[in-house]
């Protein structure tokens, strides 16, 4: 992840939510027309998915704006967890749509329906793929800058859409020129993939809500930064978590016993500045300990 200013990241996140909502609404209109003309259940699947994408994107838009709000008296640590709540909301809607799709696919599988207006259906799917690819490229750029959970959840939705749209084209062709049962069969496969995607979103959202530690790679970087200061004798009890765009880092810094309080404070400030250079906008809390009294905490395994 590249380091950018919190202001730039916030602006990018807002643009990403506006873009995804706009794309979803346009695709809903196009796919509704195509579904009414083709009566394809696999096309209905991607229409339902787009409707939920639009709803999820609107939830994201509201959640991201709330998550970017500064801390207040009631929320001293900010509002970043609104992103994770939005992710759980999205997963709920996605799961509901997938189960509805399963029922529709089974009904059409038992009573296959002929596909009509094939060129219209395929044309709409090609338009959907082009629009989705453009959105995915922009979202990938935003994620590389912000590492936003909400935008990553939206990105996952539209990656799924890309695969769904491609599979719908195949399903339409097979159902039109071969067996009509291919259409509901592909719809069932799409539903299974949607459910898998929902589970991935749930896992990441729960990690944020449960204050999961940052990746081992980042924790090791923090330790390397701390130990690179010439006056640092050691460190222990490193704790990290992420809430929205904000990273929280806490640690105990081991220093010489004979340092004055003022000098120990200066060293802690220097170490904090070094960490902030790598993680701009992070909330860093450093407690100074005399090296002779430091009691390192055991590292958690697993």
C-alpha atoms as a PDB file:
ATOM      1  CA  UNK A   1       0.000   0.000   0.000  1.00  0.00           C
ATOM      2  CA  UNK A   2       1.333   3.409  -0.959  1.00  0.00           C
ATOM      3  CA  UNK A   3       1.381   6.154   1.646  1.00  0.00           C
ATOM      4  CA  UNK A   4      -0.882   9.121   0.919  1.00  0.00           C
ATOM      5  CA  UNK A   5      -2.286  11.920   3.027  1.00  0.00           C
ATOM      6  CA  UNK A   6      -5.529  11.123   4.912  1.00  0.00           C
ATOM      7  CA  UNK A   7      -7.241  13.975   3.030  1.00  0.00           C
ATOM      8  CA  UNK A   8      -6.298  12.515  -0.379  1.00  0.00           C
ATOM      9  CA  UNK A   9      -7.391   9.050   0.740  1.00  0.00           C
ATOM     10  CA  UNK A  10     -10.751  10.350   1.920  1.00  0.00           C
ATOM     11  CA  UNK A  11     -11.314  12.102  -1.417  1.00  0.00           C
ATOM     12  CA  UNK A  12     -10.465   8.930  -3.359  1.00  0.00           C
ATOM     13  CA  UNK A  13     -12.788   6.816  -1.227  1.00  0.00           C
ATOM     14  CA  UNK A  14     -15.696   9.195  -1.817  1.00  0.00           C
ATOM     15  CA  UNK A  15     -15.055   9.196  -5.577  1.00  0.00           C
ATOM     16  CA  UNK A  16     -14.982   5.386  -5.581  1.00  0.00           C
ATOM     17  CA  UNK A  17     -18.384   5.182  -3.868  1.00  0.00           C
ATOM     18  CA  UNK A  18     -19.904   7.668  -6.332  1.00  0.00           C
ATOM     19  CA  UNK A  19     -18.453   5.741  -9.289  1.00  0.00           C
ATOM     20  CA  UNK A  20     -19.680   2.321  -8.130  1.00  0.00           C
ATOM     21  CA  UNK A  21     -23.179   3.622  -7.389  1.00  0.00           C
ATOM     22  CA  UNK A  22     -23.424   5.270 -10.809  1.00  0.00           C
ATOM     23  CA  UNK A  23     -22.215   2.177 -12.674  1.00  0.00           C
ATOM     24  CA  UNK A  24     -24.618  -0.091 -10.763  1.00  0.00           C
ATOM     25  CA  UNK A  25     -27.638   2.110 -11.531  1.00  0.00           C
ATOM     26  CA  UNK A  26     -26.799   2.262 -15.250  1.00  0.00           C
ATOM     27  CA  UNK A  27     -26.346  -1.520 -15.437  1.00  0.00           C
ATOM     28  CA  UNK A  28     -29.662  -2.126 -13.661  1.00  0.00           C
ATOM     29  CA  UNK A  29     -31.525  -0.258 -16.386  1.00  0.00           C
ATOM     30  CA  UNK A  30     -29.677  -2.078 -19.175  1.00  0.00           C
ATOM     31  CA  UNK A  31     -30.050  -5.545 -17.648  1.00  0.00           C
ATOM     32  CA  UNK A  32     -33.740  -5.034 -16.869  1.00  0.00           C
ATOM     33  CA  UNK A  33     -34.418  -4.373 -20.551  1.00  0.00           C
ATOM     34  CA  UNK A  34     -32.314  -7.373 -21.598  1.00  0.00           C
ATOM     35  CA  UNK A  35     -33.970  -9.728 -19.080  1.00  0.00           C
ATOM     36  CA  UNK A  36     -37.494  -8.710 -20.149  1.00  0.00           C
ATOM     37  CA  UNK A  37     -36.596  -9.414 -23.768  1.00  0.00           C
ATOM     38  CA  UNK A  38     -34.731 -12.723 -23.217  1.00  0.00           C
ATOM     39  CA  UNK A  39     -36.499 -14.245 -20.160  1.00  0.00           C
ATOM     40  CA  UNK A  40     -33.093 -15.686 -19.186  1.00  0.00           C
ATOM     41  CA  UNK A  41     -32.686 -16.773 -15.554  1.00  0.00           C
ATOM     42  CA  UNK A  42     -28.918 -16.356 -15.772  1.00  0.00           C
ATOM     43  CA  UNK A  43     -29.485 -12.784 -16.953  1.00  0.00           C
ATOM     44  CA  UNK A  44     -31.937 -12.367 -14.077  1.00  0.00           C
ATOM     45  CA  UNK A  45     -29.110 -13.524 -11.826  1.00  0.00           C
ATOM     46  CA  UNK A  46     -26.817 -10.753 -12.950  1.00  0.00           C
ATOM     47  CA  UNK A  47     -29.700  -8.229 -12.762  1.00  0.00           C
ATOM     48  CA  UNK A  48     -30.348  -9.191  -9.124  1.00  0.00           C
ATOM     49  CA  UNK A  49     -26.627  -8.966  -8.452  1.00  0.00           C
ATOM     50  CA  UNK A  50     -26.514  -5.459  -9.950  1.00  0.00           C
ATOM     51  CA  UNK A  51     -29.536  -4.363  -7.875  1.00  0.00           C
ATOM     52  CA  UNK A  52     -27.779  -5.516  -4.732  1.00  0.00           C
ATOM     53  CA  UNK A  53     -24.550  -3.915  -5.887  1.00  0.00           C
ATOM     54  CA  UNK A  54     -26.409  -0.622  -6.196  1.00  0.00           C
ATOM     55  CA  UNK A  55     -27.877  -1.013  -2.715  1.00  0.00           C
ATOM     56  CA  UNK A  56     -24.516  -2.075  -1.303  1.00  0.00           C
ATOM     57  CA  UNK A  57     -22.797   0.858  -3.020  1.00  0.00           C
ATOM     58  CA  UNK A  58     -25.318   3.286  -1.530  1.00  0.00           C
ATOM     59  CA  UNK A  59     -24.698   1.739   1.902  1.00  0.00           C
ATOM     60  CA  UNK A  60     -20.979   2.106   1.241  1.00  0.00           C
ATOM     61  CA  UNK A  61     -21.420   5.728   0.237  1.00  0.00           C
ATOM     62  CA  UNK A  62     -23.171   6.528   3.521  1.00  0.00           C
ATOM     63  CA  UNK A  63     -20.820   4.346   5.590  1.00  0.00           C
ATOM     64  CA  UNK A  64     -17.640   5.799   4.076  1.00  0.00           C
ATOM     65  CA  UNK A  65     -18.840   9.352   4.688  1.00  0.00           C
ATOM     66  CA  UNK A  66     -19.585   8.396   8.299  1.00  0.00           C
ATOM     67  CA  UNK A  67     -16.304   6.514   8.711  1.00  0.00           C
ATOM     68  CA  UNK A  68     -14.345   9.549   7.504  1.00  0.00           C
ATOM     69  CA  UNK A  69     -15.960  11.836  10.090  1.00  0.00           C
ATOM     70  CA  UNK A  70     -13.432  13.063  12.690  1.00  0.00           C
ATOM     71  CA  UNK A  71     -13.528  11.779  16.296  1.00  0.00           C
ATOM     72  CA  UNK A  72     -16.045  13.425  18.621  1.00  0.00           C
ATOM     73  CA  UNK A  73     -16.927  13.307  22.326  1.00  0.00           C
ATOM     74  CA  UNK A  74     -18.853  10.058  21.965  1.00  0.00           C
ATOM     75  CA  UNK A  75     -16.415   8.402  19.524  1.00  0.00           C
ATOM     76  CA  UNK A  76     -12.886   9.238  20.640  1.00  0.00           C
ATOM     77  CA  UNK A  77     -11.385   6.627  18.314  1.00  0.00           C
ATOM     78  CA  UNK A  78     -13.293   7.887  15.288  1.00  0.00           C
ATOM     79  CA  UNK A  79     -16.006   6.206  13.224  1.00  0.00           C
ATOM     80  CA  UNK A  80     -13.882   3.839  11.137  1.00  0.00           C
ATOM     81  CA  UNK A  81     -15.766   0.701  12.117  1.00  0.00           C
ATOM     82  CA  UNK A  82     -18.740   1.954  10.123  1.00  0.00           C
ATOM     83  CA  UNK A  83     -16.908   0.435   7.142  1.00  0.00           C
ATOM     84  CA  UNK A  84     -16.972  -3.016   8.713  1.00  0.00           C
ATOM     85  CA  UNK A  85     -20.672  -2.681   9.557  1.00  0.00           C
ATOM     86  CA  UNK A  86     -21.316  -1.731   5.928  1.00  0.00           C
ATOM     87  CA  UNK A  87     -19.414  -4.837   4.848  1.00  0.00           C
ATOM     88  CA  UNK A  88     -21.626  -7.055   7.015  1.00  0.00           C
ATOM     89  CA  UNK A  89     -24.702  -5.337   5.598  1.00  0.00           C
ATOM     90  CA  UNK A  90     -23.502  -5.988   2.066  1.00  0.00           C
ATOM     91  CA  UNK A  91     -22.824  -9.641   2.845  1.00  0.00           C
ATOM     92  CA  UNK A  92     -26.360 -10.029   4.196  1.00  0.00           C
ATOM     93  CA  UNK A  93     -27.929  -8.591   1.052  1.00  0.00           C
ATOM     94  CA  UNK A  94     -25.662 -10.682  -1.182  1.00  0.00           C
ATOM     95  CA  UNK A  95     -26.578 -13.884   0.674  1.00  0.00           C
ATOM     96  CA  UNK A  96     -30.284 -13.125   0.349  1.00  0.00           C
ATOM     97  CA  UNK A  97     -29.964 -12.532  -3.389  1.00  0.00           C
ATOM     98  CA  UNK A  98     -28.010 -15.739  -3.874  1.00  0.00           C
ATOM     99  CA  UNK A  99     -30.667 -17.817  -2.074  1.00  0.00           C
ATOM    100  CA  UNK A 100     -33.422 -16.203  -4.159  1.00  0.00           C
ATOM    101  CA  UNK A 101     -31.413 -16.959  -7.282  1.00  0.00           C
ATOM    102  CA  UNK A 102     -31.070 -20.613  -6.271  1.00  0.00           C
ATOM    103  CA  UNK A 103     -34.861 -20.928  -6.021  1.00  0.00           C
ATOM    104  CA  UNK A 104     -35.363 -19.275  -9.428  1.00  0.00           C
ATOM    105  CA  UNK A 105     -32.680 -21.431 -11.031  1.00  0.00           C
ATOM    106  CA  UNK A 106     -34.202 -24.658  -9.669  1.00  0.00           C
ATOM    107  CA  UNK A 107     -37.625 -23.608 -10.987  1.00  0.00           C
ATOM    108  CA  UNK A 108     -36.210 -22.910 -14.467  1.00  0.00           C
ATOM    109  CA  UNK A 109     -34.101 -26.067 -14.332  1.00  0.00           C
ATOM    110  CA  UNK A 110     -37.204 -28.172 -13.781  1.00  0.00           C
ATOM    111  CA  UNK A 111     -39.080 -26.230 -16.474  1.00  0.00           C
ATOM    112  CA  UNK A 112     -36.489 -24.913 -18.990  1.00  0.00           C
ATOM    113  CA  UNK A 113     -37.528 -21.766 -20.859  1.00  0.00           C
ATOM    114  CA  UNK A 114     -36.379 -20.910 -24.402  1.00  0.00           C
ATOM    115  CA  UNK A 115     -34.064 -17.908 -24.770  1.00  0.00           C
ATOM    116  CA  UNK A 116     -35.224 -14.987 -26.913  1.00  0.00           C
ATOM    117  CA  UNK A 117     -33.566 -11.818 -28.293  1.00  0.00           C
ATOM    118  CA  UNK A 118     -30.084 -13.329 -28.009  1.00  0.00           C
ATOM    119  CA  UNK A 119     -28.202 -10.368 -29.631  1.00  0.00           C
ATOM    120  CA  UNK A 120     -29.749  -7.947 -27.128  1.00  0.00           C
ATOM    121  CA  UNK A 121     -28.766 -10.093 -24.160  1.00  0.00           C
ATOM    122  CA  UNK A 122     -25.184 -10.559 -25.339  1.00  0.00           C
ATOM    123  CA  UNK A 123     -24.862  -6.879 -26.267  1.00  0.00           C
ATOM    124  CA  UNK A 124     -25.950  -5.776 -22.773  1.00  0.00           C
ATOM    125  CA  UNK A 125     -23.498  -8.202 -21.192  1.00  0.00           C
ATOM    126  CA  UNK A 126     -20.630  -6.800 -23.278  1.00  0.00           C
ATOM    127  CA  UNK A 127     -21.563  -3.256 -22.213  1.00  0.00           C
ATOM    128  CA  UNK A 128     -21.667  -4.464 -18.592  1.00  0.00           C
ATOM    129  CA  UNK A 129     -18.223  -6.031 -18.875  1.00  0.00           C
ATOM    130  CA  UNK A 130     -16.668  -2.850 -20.322  1.00  0.00           C
ATOM    131  CA  UNK A 131     -18.255  -0.622 -17.646  1.00  0.00           C
ATOM    132  CA  UNK A 132     -17.269  -3.028 -14.865  1.00  0.00           C
ATOM    133  CA  UNK A 133     -13.658  -3.243 -16.082  1.00  0.00           C
ATOM    134  CA  UNK A 134     -13.356   0.558 -15.983  1.00  0.00           C
ATOM    135  CA  UNK A 135     -14.758   0.685 -12.448  1.00  0.00           C
ATOM    136  CA  UNK A 136     -12.503  -2.154 -11.257  1.00  0.00           C
ATOM    137  CA  UNK A 137      -9.385  -0.357 -12.520  1.00  0.00           C
ATOM    138  CA  UNK A 138     -10.353   2.801 -10.615  1.00  0.00           C
ATOM    139  CA  UNK A 139     -11.234   0.859  -7.461  1.00  0.00           C
ATOM    140  CA  UNK A 140      -7.920  -0.988  -7.594  1.00  0.00           C
ATOM    141  CA  UNK A 141      -6.132   2.376  -7.663  1.00  0.00           C
ATOM    142  CA  UNK A 142      -8.147   3.599  -4.664  1.00  0.00           C
ATOM    143  CA  UNK A 143      -7.462   0.403  -2.699  1.00  0.00           C
ATOM    144  CA  UNK A 144      -3.716   0.676  -3.367  1.00  0.00           C
ATOM    145  CA  UNK A 145      -3.807   4.152  -1.808  1.00  0.00           C
ATOM    146  CA  UNK A 146      -6.283   3.683   1.045  1.00  0.00           C
ATOM    147  CA  UNK A 147      -6.579  -0.065   1.810  1.00  0.00           C
ATOM    148  CA  UNK A 148     -10.250   0.689   2.571  1.00  0.00           C
ATOM    149  CA  UNK A 149     -12.301  -2.325   3.669  1.00  0.00           C
ATOM    150  CA  UNK A 150     -15.516  -0.862   2.261  1.00  0.00           C
ATOM    151  CA  UNK A 151     -13.964  -0.214  -1.160  1.00  0.00           C
ATOM    152  CA  UNK A 152     -12.359  -3.673  -1.139  1.00  0.00           C
ATOM    153  CA  UNK A 153     -15.793  -5.199  -0.469  1.00  0.00           C
ATOM    154  CA  UNK A 154     -17.259  -3.215  -3.360  1.00  0.00           C
ATOM    155  CA  UNK A 155     -14.286  -4.222  -5.554  1.00  0.00           C
ATOM    156  CA  UNK A 156     -14.974  -7.863  -4.754  1.00  0.00           C
ATOM    157  CA  UNK A 157     -18.622  -7.413  -5.775  1.00  0.00           C
ATOM    158  CA  UNK A 158     -17.681  -6.056  -9.163  1.00  0.00           C
ATOM    159  CA  UNK A 159     -14.954  -8.655  -9.723  1.00  0.00           C
ATOM    160  CA  UNK A 160     -17.706 -11.189  -9.171  1.00  0.00           C
ATOM    161  CA  UNK A 161     -19.881  -9.273 -11.636  1.00  0.00           C
ATOM    162  CA  UNK A 162     -17.157  -9.501 -14.262  1.00  0.00           C
ATOM    163  CA  UNK A 163     -17.097 -13.284 -13.973  1.00  0.00           C
ATOM    164  CA  UNK A 164     -20.881 -13.412 -13.793  1.00  0.00           C
ATOM    165  CA  UNK A 165     -21.320 -11.319 -16.939  1.00  0.00           C
ATOM    166  CA  UNK A 166     -18.844 -13.441 -18.856  1.00  0.00           C
ATOM    167  CA  UNK A 167     -20.545 -16.658 -17.741  1.00  0.00           C
ATOM    168  CA  UNK A 168     -23.974 -15.264 -18.707  1.00  0.00           C
ATOM    169  CA  UNK A 169     -22.784 -14.791 -22.298  1.00  0.00           C
ATOM    170  CA  UNK A 170     -21.680 -18.422 -22.377  1.00  0.00           C
ATOM    171  CA  UNK A 171     -24.952 -19.534 -20.772  1.00  0.00           C
ATOM    172  CA  UNK A 172     -27.044 -17.587 -23.296  1.00  0.00           C
ATOM    173  CA  UNK A 173     -25.164 -19.080 -26.240  1.00  0.00           C
ATOM    174  CA  UNK A 174     -25.361 -22.656 -24.895  1.00  0.00           C
ATOM    175  CA  UNK A 175     -29.045 -22.332 -23.994  1.00  0.00           C
ATOM    176  CA  UNK A 176     -29.944 -20.763 -27.357  1.00  0.00           C
ATOM    177  CA  UNK A 177     -28.041 -23.192 -29.566  1.00  0.00           C
ATOM    178  CA  UNK A 178     -28.159 -26.264 -27.351  1.00  0.00           C
ATOM    179  CA  UNK A 179     -29.968 -27.326 -24.176  1.00  0.00           C
ATOM    180  CA  UNK A 180     -32.156 -24.709 -22.412  1.00  0.00           C
ATOM    181  CA  UNK A 181     -31.094 -26.188 -19.054  1.00  0.00           C
ATOM    182  CA  UNK A 182     -27.656 -24.585 -19.405  1.00  0.00           C
ATOM    183  CA  UNK A 183     -29.203 -21.244 -18.465  1.00  0.00           C
ATOM    184  CA  UNK A 184     -30.399 -22.235 -14.934  1.00  0.00           C
ATOM    185  CA  UNK A 185     -27.318 -24.434 -14.464  1.00  0.00           C
ATOM    186  CA  UNK A 186     -25.033 -21.418 -14.895  1.00  0.00           C
ATOM    187  CA  UNK A 187     -27.324 -19.424 -12.600  1.00  0.00           C
ATOM    188  CA  UNK A 188     -26.754 -22.023  -9.852  1.00  0.00           C
ATOM    189  CA  UNK A 189     -22.982 -21.800 -10.331  1.00  0.00           C
ATOM    190  CA  UNK A 190     -23.179 -17.996 -10.135  1.00  0.00           C
ATOM    191  CA  UNK A 191     -25.211 -18.248  -6.905  1.00  0.00           C
ATOM    192  CA  UNK A 192     -22.549 -20.489  -5.356  1.00  0.00           C
ATOM    193  CA  UNK A 193     -19.817 -18.010  -6.274  1.00  0.00           C
ATOM    194  CA  UNK A 194     -21.854 -15.111  -4.852  1.00  0.00           C
ATOM    195  CA  UNK A 195     -22.220 -16.967  -1.541  1.00  0.00           C
ATOM    196  CA  UNK A 196     -18.459 -17.571  -1.410  1.00  0.00           C
ATOM    197  CA  UNK A 197     -17.826 -13.865  -2.043  1.00  0.00           C
ATOM    198  CA  UNK A 198     -20.222 -12.928   0.759  1.00  0.00           C
ATOM    199  CA  UNK A 199     -18.301 -15.153   3.183  1.00  0.00           C
ATOM    200  CA  UNK A 200     -15.015 -13.414   2.306  1.00  0.00           C
ATOM    201  CA  UNK A 201     -16.589 -10.023   3.050  1.00  0.00           C
ATOM    202  CA  UNK A 202     -17.927 -11.303   6.386  1.00  0.00           C
ATOM    203  CA  UNK A 203     -14.482 -12.543   7.411  1.00  0.00           C
ATOM    204  CA  UNK A 204     -12.757  -9.228   6.696  1.00  0.00           C
ATOM    205  CA  UNK A 205     -15.507  -7.199   8.376  1.00  0.00           C
ATOM    206  CA  UNK A 206     -15.331  -9.360  11.502  1.00  0.00           C
ATOM    207  CA  UNK A 207     -11.549  -8.953  11.588  1.00  0.00           C
ATOM    208  CA  UNK A 208     -11.997  -5.174  11.760  1.00  0.00           C
ATOM    209  CA  UNK A 209     -14.765  -5.299  14.345  1.00  0.00           C
ATOM    210  CA  UNK A 210     -12.728  -7.691  16.515  1.00  0.00           C
ATOM    211  CA  UNK A 211      -9.581  -5.515  16.272  1.00  0.00           C
ATOM    212  CA  UNK A 212      -7.457  -8.109  14.503  1.00  0.00           C
ATOM    213  CA  UNK A 213      -3.731  -7.370  14.585  1.00  0.00           C
ATOM    214  CA  UNK A 214      -2.037  -5.923  11.521  1.00  0.00           C
ATOM    215  CA  UNK A 215      -0.225  -8.444   9.266  1.00  0.00           C
ATOM    216  CA  UNK A 216       3.043  -9.894  10.599  1.00  0.00           C
ATOM    217  CA  UNK A 217       4.919  -8.040   7.865  1.00  0.00           C
ATOM    218  CA  UNK A 218       3.724  -4.676   9.179  1.00  0.00           C
ATOM    219  CA  UNK A 219       4.405  -5.630  12.799  1.00  0.00           C
ATOM    220  CA  UNK A 220       7.958  -6.588  11.854  1.00  0.00           C
ATOM    221  CA  UNK A 221       8.414  -3.252  10.051  1.00  0.00           C
ATOM    222  CA  UNK A 222       7.349  -1.403  13.195  1.00  0.00           C
ATOM    223  CA  UNK A 223       9.818  -3.400  15.296  1.00  0.00           C
ATOM    224  CA  UNK A 224      12.605  -2.692  12.801  1.00  0.00           C
ATOM    225  CA  UNK A 225      11.836   1.042  12.911  1.00  0.00           C
ATOM    226  CA  UNK A 226      11.881   1.106  16.711  1.00  0.00           C
ATOM    227  CA  UNK A 227      15.133  -0.845  16.981  1.00  0.00           C
ATOM    228  CA  UNK A 228      16.807   1.394  14.393  1.00  0.00           C
ATOM    229  CA  UNK A 229      16.855   4.320  16.850  1.00  0.00           C
ATOM    230  CA  UNK A 230      20.315   4.402  18.496  1.00  0.00           C
ATOM    231  CA  UNK A 231      18.936   5.071  21.991  1.00  0.00           C
ATOM    232  CA  UNK A 232      16.402   2.242  21.940  1.00  0.00           C
ATOM    233  CA  UNK A 233      17.423  -0.790  24.029  1.00  0.00           C
ATOM    234  CA  UNK A 234      14.362  -2.850  23.172  1.00  0.00           C
ATOM    235  CA  UNK A 235      10.586  -2.900  23.006  1.00  0.00           C
ATOM    236  CA  UNK A 236       7.693  -5.108  24.039  1.00  0.00           C
ATOM    237  CA  UNK A 237       3.902  -5.397  24.172  1.00  0.00           C
ATOM    238  CA  UNK A 238       3.344  -4.188  20.602  1.00  0.00           C
ATOM    239  CA  UNK A 239      -0.371  -3.887  19.848  1.00  0.00           C
ATOM    240  CA  UNK A 240      -1.871  -2.850  16.518  1.00  0.00           C
ATOM    241  CA  UNK A 241      -5.291  -2.568  14.960  1.00  0.00           C
ATOM    242  CA  UNK A 242      -7.040  -0.775  12.126  1.00  0.00           C
ATOM    243  CA  UNK A 243     -10.294   1.193  12.155  1.00  0.00           C
ATOM    244  CA  UNK A 244     -11.336   2.676   8.827  1.00  0.00           C
ATOM    245  CA  UNK A 245      -8.357   4.623   7.480  1.00  0.00           C
ATOM    246  CA  UNK A 246      -6.727   4.947  10.891  1.00  0.00           C
ATOM    247  CA  UNK A 247      -4.048   2.569  12.154  1.00  0.00           C
ATOM    248  CA  UNK A 248      -3.555   2.346  15.926  1.00  0.00           C
ATOM    249  CA  UNK A 249      -0.087   1.371  17.199  1.00  0.00           C
ATOM    250  CA  UNK A 250       0.834   0.936  20.881  1.00  0.00           C
ATOM    251  CA  UNK A 251       4.135  -0.257  22.315  1.00  0.00           C
ATOM    252  CA  UNK A 252       6.430  -0.151  25.343  1.00  0.00           C
ATOM    253  CA  UNK A 253       9.842   1.365  24.637  1.00  0.00           C
ATOM    254  CA  UNK A 254      12.836   0.155  26.709  1.00  0.00           C
ATOM    255  CA  UNK A 255      15.356   2.909  27.517  1.00  0.00           C
ATOM    256  CA  UNK A 256      18.376   3.466  29.775  1.00  0.00           C
ATOM    257  CA  UNK A 257      17.501   3.673  33.457  1.00  0.00           C
ATOM    258  CA  UNK A 258      19.442   6.886  34.004  1.00  0.00           C
ATOM    259  CA  UNK A 259      17.736   9.014  31.348  1.00  0.00           C
ATOM    260  CA  UNK A 260      15.859  12.070  32.519  1.00  0.00           C
ATOM    261  CA  UNK A 261      12.122  12.146  31.979  1.00  0.00           C
ATOM    262  CA  UNK A 262      12.578  14.920  29.422  1.00  0.00           C
ATOM    263  CA  UNK A 263      15.151  12.952  27.416  1.00  0.00           C
ATOM    264  CA  UNK A 264      13.037   9.771  27.498  1.00  0.00           C
ATOM    265  CA  UNK A 265      10.111  11.809  26.210  1.00  0.00           C
ATOM    266  CA  UNK A 266      12.242  13.242  23.396  1.00  0.00           C
ATOM    267  CA  UNK A 267      13.376   9.764  22.304  1.00  0.00           C
ATOM    268  CA  UNK A 268       9.795   8.490  22.316  1.00  0.00           C
ATOM    269  CA  UNK A 269       8.774  11.457  20.147  1.00  0.00           C
ATOM    270  CA  UNK A 270      11.593  10.674  17.719  1.00  0.00           C
ATOM    271  CA  UNK A 271      10.553   7.025  17.484  1.00  0.00           C
ATOM    272  CA  UNK A 272       6.931   8.092  16.965  1.00  0.00           C
ATOM    273  CA  UNK A 273       7.979  10.403  14.120  1.00  0.00           C
ATOM    274  CA  UNK A 274       9.878   7.519  12.490  1.00  0.00           C
ATOM    275  CA  UNK A 275       6.777   5.293  12.670  1.00  0.00           C
ATOM    276  CA  UNK A 276       4.539   8.059  11.303  1.00  0.00           C
ATOM    277  CA  UNK A 277       6.903   8.511   8.354  1.00  0.00           C
ATOM    278  CA  UNK A 278       6.056   4.922   7.371  1.00  0.00           C
ATOM    279  CA  UNK A 279       2.401   5.001   8.466  1.00  0.00           C
ATOM    280  CA  UNK A 280       1.071   8.566   7.935  1.00  0.00           C
ATOM    281  CA  UNK A 281      -1.998   9.429   9.970  1.00  0.00           C
ATOM    282  CA  UNK A 282      -1.520   6.555  12.425  1.00  0.00           C
ATOM    283  CA  UNK A 283      -2.380   6.956  16.111  1.00  0.00           C
ATOM    284  CA  UNK A 284       0.831   6.030  17.950  1.00  0.00           C
ATOM    285  CA  UNK A 285       1.042   5.613  21.737  1.00  0.00           C
ATOM    286  CA  UNK A 286       4.468   4.874  23.250  1.00  0.00           C
ATOM    287  CA  UNK A 287       5.051   4.068  26.906  1.00  0.00           C
ATOM    288  CA  UNK A 288       8.644   4.473  28.156  1.00  0.00           C
ATOM    289  CA  UNK A 289      10.054   1.741  30.426  1.00  0.00           C
ATOM    290  CA  UNK A 290      13.438   1.546  32.204  1.00  0.00           C
ATOM    291  CA  UNK A 291      15.275  -1.330  30.505  1.00  0.00           C
ATOM    292  CA  UNK A 292      16.076  -3.014  33.841  1.00  0.00           C
ATOM    293  CA  UNK A 293      12.371  -3.175  34.768  1.00  0.00           C
ATOM    294  CA  UNK A 294      10.979  -4.103  31.374  1.00  0.00           C
ATOM    295  CA  UNK A 295       9.011  -7.345  31.368  1.00  0.00           C
ATOM    296  CA  UNK A 296       8.511  -8.386  27.753  1.00  0.00           C
ATOM    297  CA  UNK A 297       5.115  -9.885  27.028  1.00  0.00           C
ATOM    298  CA  UNK A 298       5.027 -13.283  25.298  1.00  0.00           C
ATOM    299  CA  UNK A 299       4.260 -13.193  21.575  1.00  0.00           C
ATOM    300  CA  UNK A 300       0.912 -14.737  20.707  1.00  0.00           C
ATOM    301  CA  UNK A 301       1.107 -17.717  18.399  1.00  0.00           C
ATOM    302  CA  UNK A 302      -1.426 -18.721  15.788  1.00  0.00           C
END
